Amino acid sequence: MSKTHADAVEWLIETVKEALENGTATEDDLQEWLLAAVLLEEMAVEEEAEGRALDAWTDASPTLH
């Protein structure tokens, strides 16, 4: 997971934790936060896969001079 995604997940965890402790989180809030966490994970996985694909492509292509 990239630093940006890790930071976003950490912020999300802290926000949810604080809302739960304060009793200010609604069921809808929890559902939205869970969806956001899933989407962040999907974005991180896609980004990682794209990075591997680019690395594989650049490793396989001949060097241009």
N, C-alpha and C. Protein backbone atom coordinates (compact mmCIF):
# COMPACT_ATOMS: atom_id res chain seq x y z
N MET A 1 0.86 -1.17 0.00
CA MET A 1 0.00 0.00 0.00
C MET A 1 0.90 1.23 0.00
N SER A 2 0.58 2.20 -0.84
CA SER A 2 1.42 3.38 -0.90
C SER A 2 1.24 4.25 0.34
N LYS A 3 2.16 5.18 0.52
CA LYS A 3 2.11 6.07 1.69
C LYS A 3 0.80 6.84 1.72
N THR A 4 0.35 7.33 0.57
CA THR A 4 -0.89 8.10 0.50
C THR A 4 -2.07 7.26 0.96
N HIS A 5 -2.16 6.03 0.46
CA HIS A 5 -3.25 5.15 0.87
C HIS A 5 -3.13 4.79 2.35
N ALA A 6 -1.94 4.55 2.80
CA ALA A 6 -1.74 4.20 4.21
C ALA A 6 -2.15 5.37 5.10
N ASP A 7 -1.80 6.58 4.69
CA ASP A 7 -2.19 7.76 5.46
C ASP A 7 -3.70 7.92 5.49
N ALA A 8 -4.35 7.70 4.36
CA ALA A 8 -5.81 7.82 4.28
C ALA A 8 -6.48 6.78 5.16
N VAL A 9 -5.97 5.56 5.14
CA VAL A 9 -6.54 4.50 5.97
C VAL A 9 -6.33 4.83 7.44
N GLU A 10 -5.17 5.31 7.80
CA GLU A 10 -4.89 5.67 9.19
C GLU A 10 -5.84 6.78 9.65
N TRP A 11 -6.05 7.79 8.80
CA TRP A 11 -6.98 8.86 9.14
C TRP A 11 -8.39 8.31 9.32
N LEU A 12 -8.80 7.42 8.41
CA LEU A 12 -10.13 6.84 8.48
C LEU A 12 -10.32 6.05 9.77
N ILE A 13 -9.33 5.29 10.14
CA ILE A 13 -9.39 4.50 11.38
C ILE A 13 -9.54 5.43 12.59
N GLU A 14 -8.75 6.47 12.63
CA GLU A 14 -8.82 7.41 13.76
C GLU A 14 -10.17 8.12 13.81
N THR A 15 -10.70 8.49 12.66
CA THR A 15 -11.99 9.17 12.60
C THR A 15 -13.11 8.25 13.10
N VAL A 16 -13.09 7.02 12.64
CA VAL A 16 -14.11 6.05 13.07
C VAL A 16 -13.98 5.77 14.56
N LYS A 17 -12.77 5.57 15.02
CA LYS A 17 -12.53 5.29 16.44
C LYS A 17 -13.05 6.43 17.31
N GLU A 18 -12.73 7.66 16.92
CA GLU A 18 -13.18 8.82 17.69
C GLU A 18 -14.70 8.94 17.69
N ALA A 19 -15.31 8.74 16.53
CA ALA A 19 -16.78 8.83 16.44
C ALA A 19 -17.46 7.75 17.27
N LEU A 20 -16.89 6.56 17.27
CA LEU A 20 -17.47 5.47 18.07
C LEU A 20 -17.33 5.76 19.57
N GLU A 21 -16.16 6.26 19.95
CA GLU A 21 -15.93 6.58 21.36
C GLU A 21 -16.85 7.71 21.83
N ASN A 22 -17.11 8.68 20.96
CA ASN A 22 -17.96 9.82 21.31
C ASN A 22 -19.45 9.51 21.15
N GLY A 23 -19.75 8.41 20.50
CA GLY A 23 -21.15 8.06 20.26
C GLY A 23 -21.80 8.90 19.18
N THR A 24 -21.00 9.48 18.31
CA THR A 24 -21.54 10.35 17.26
C THR A 24 -21.68 9.67 15.91
N ALA A 25 -21.26 8.42 15.80
CA ALA A 25 -21.34 7.69 14.54
C ALA A 25 -22.71 7.06 14.38
N THR A 26 -23.31 7.27 13.21
CA THR A 26 -24.57 6.61 12.90
C THR A 26 -24.29 5.34 12.12
N GLU A 27 -25.30 4.52 11.95
CA GLU A 27 -25.15 3.31 11.15
C GLU A 27 -24.75 3.67 9.73
N ASP A 28 -25.35 4.73 9.17
CA ASP A 28 -25.00 5.18 7.82
C ASP A 28 -23.54 5.61 7.74
N ASP A 29 -23.06 6.31 8.79
CA ASP A 29 -21.65 6.71 8.83
C ASP A 29 -20.74 5.49 8.75
N LEU A 30 -21.06 4.49 9.57
CA LEU A 30 -20.24 3.28 9.60
C LEU A 30 -20.23 2.58 8.24
N GLN A 31 -21.38 2.53 7.59
CA GLN A 31 -21.45 1.90 6.27
C GLN A 31 -20.60 2.68 5.26
N GLU A 32 -20.69 4.01 5.29
CA GLU A 32 -19.90 4.83 4.37
C GLU A 32 -18.41 4.67 4.62
N TRP A 33 -18.01 4.63 5.90
CA TRP A 33 -16.60 4.46 6.22
C TRP A 33 -16.08 3.10 5.81
N LEU A 34 -16.90 2.09 5.97
CA LEU A 34 -16.49 0.76 5.55
C LEU A 34 -16.32 0.72 4.03
N LEU A 35 -17.24 1.31 3.31
CA LEU A 35 -17.13 1.38 1.86
C LEU A 35 -15.87 2.15 1.45
N ALA A 36 -15.60 3.25 2.13
CA ALA A 36 -14.40 4.03 1.83
C ALA A 36 -13.14 3.21 2.06
N ALA A 37 -13.11 2.44 3.13
CA ALA A 37 -11.94 1.59 3.41
C ALA A 37 -11.76 0.54 2.33
N VAL A 38 -12.85 -0.05 1.87
CA VAL A 38 -12.78 -1.06 0.81
C VAL A 38 -12.28 -0.41 -0.48
N LEU A 39 -12.79 0.76 -0.80
CA LEU A 39 -12.35 1.45 -2.02
C LEU A 39 -10.88 1.84 -1.95
N LEU A 40 -10.43 2.29 -0.79
CA LEU A 40 -9.01 2.61 -0.64
C LEU A 40 -8.14 1.38 -0.86
N GLU A 41 -8.57 0.26 -0.32
CA GLU A 41 -7.82 -0.99 -0.51
C GLU A 41 -7.79 -1.38 -1.98
N GLU A 42 -8.93 -1.26 -2.66
CA GLU A 42 -8.98 -1.59 -4.09
C GLU A 42 -8.07 -0.67 -4.90
N MET A 43 -8.05 0.61 -4.54
CA MET A 43 -7.17 1.55 -5.25
C MET A 43 -5.71 1.17 -5.03
N ALA A 44 -5.35 0.80 -3.82
CA ALA A 44 -3.97 0.42 -3.53
C ALA A 44 -3.58 -0.83 -4.30
N VAL A 45 -4.48 -1.81 -4.37
CA VAL A 45 -4.20 -3.05 -5.10
C VAL A 45 -4.03 -2.75 -6.59
N GLU A 46 -4.90 -1.93 -7.16
CA GLU A 46 -4.80 -1.58 -8.58
C GLU A 46 -3.51 -0.83 -8.86
N GLU A 47 -3.17 0.10 -7.98
CA GLU A 47 -1.94 0.88 -8.16
C GLU A 47 -0.72 -0.04 -8.12
N GLU A 48 -0.72 -0.99 -7.21
CA GLU A 48 0.39 -1.93 -7.09
C GLU A 48 0.49 -2.80 -8.35
N ALA A 49 -0.66 -3.26 -8.85
CA ALA A 49 -0.68 -4.09 -10.05
C ALA A 49 -0.18 -3.31 -11.26
N GLU A 50 -0.59 -2.05 -11.37
CA GLU A 50 -0.13 -1.21 -12.48
C GLU A 50 1.38 -1.00 -12.40
N GLY A 51 1.88 -0.82 -11.19
CA GLY A 51 3.32 -0.64 -11.01
C GLY A 51 4.09 -1.88 -11.42
N ARG A 52 3.57 -3.07 -11.06
CA ARG A 52 4.22 -4.32 -11.46
C ARG A 52 4.17 -4.50 -12.97
N ALA A 53 3.04 -4.15 -13.58
CA ALA A 53 2.90 -4.29 -15.03
C ALA A 53 3.88 -3.36 -15.74
N LEU A 54 4.01 -2.14 -15.25
CA LEU A 54 4.95 -1.19 -15.84
C LEU A 54 6.38 -1.69 -15.68
N ASP A 55 6.72 -2.20 -14.51
CA ASP A 55 8.06 -2.74 -14.29
C ASP A 55 8.33 -3.91 -15.23
N ALA A 56 7.37 -4.78 -15.39
CA ALA A 56 7.55 -5.93 -16.28
C ALA A 56 7.72 -5.47 -17.72
N TRP A 57 6.96 -4.48 -18.13
CA TRP A 57 7.03 -3.97 -19.49
C TRP A 57 8.38 -3.30 -19.74
N THR A 58 8.85 -2.47 -18.79
CA THR A 58 10.12 -1.79 -18.98
C THR A 58 11.29 -2.75 -18.91
N ASP A 59 11.19 -3.81 -18.11
CA ASP A 59 12.25 -4.80 -18.03
C ASP A 59 12.33 -5.62 -19.32
N ALA A 60 11.19 -5.83 -19.98
CA ALA A 60 11.15 -6.66 -21.19
C ALA A 60 11.47 -5.89 -22.45
N SER A 61 11.29 -4.58 -22.43
CA SER A 61 11.52 -3.80 -23.65
C SER A 61 13.00 -3.51 -23.82
N PRO A 62 13.45 -3.49 -25.09
CA PRO A 62 14.87 -3.20 -25.33
C PRO A 62 15.19 -1.74 -25.01
N THR A 63 16.43 -1.52 -24.63
CA THR A 63 16.87 -0.18 -24.32
C THR A 63 17.08 0.60 -25.61
N LEU A 64 16.57 1.81 -25.66
CA LEU A 64 16.73 2.67 -26.82
C LEU A 64 17.90 3.60 -26.59
N HIS A 65 18.75 3.73 -27.61
CA HIS A 65 19.90 4.65 -27.51
C HIS A 65 19.87 5.59 -28.65
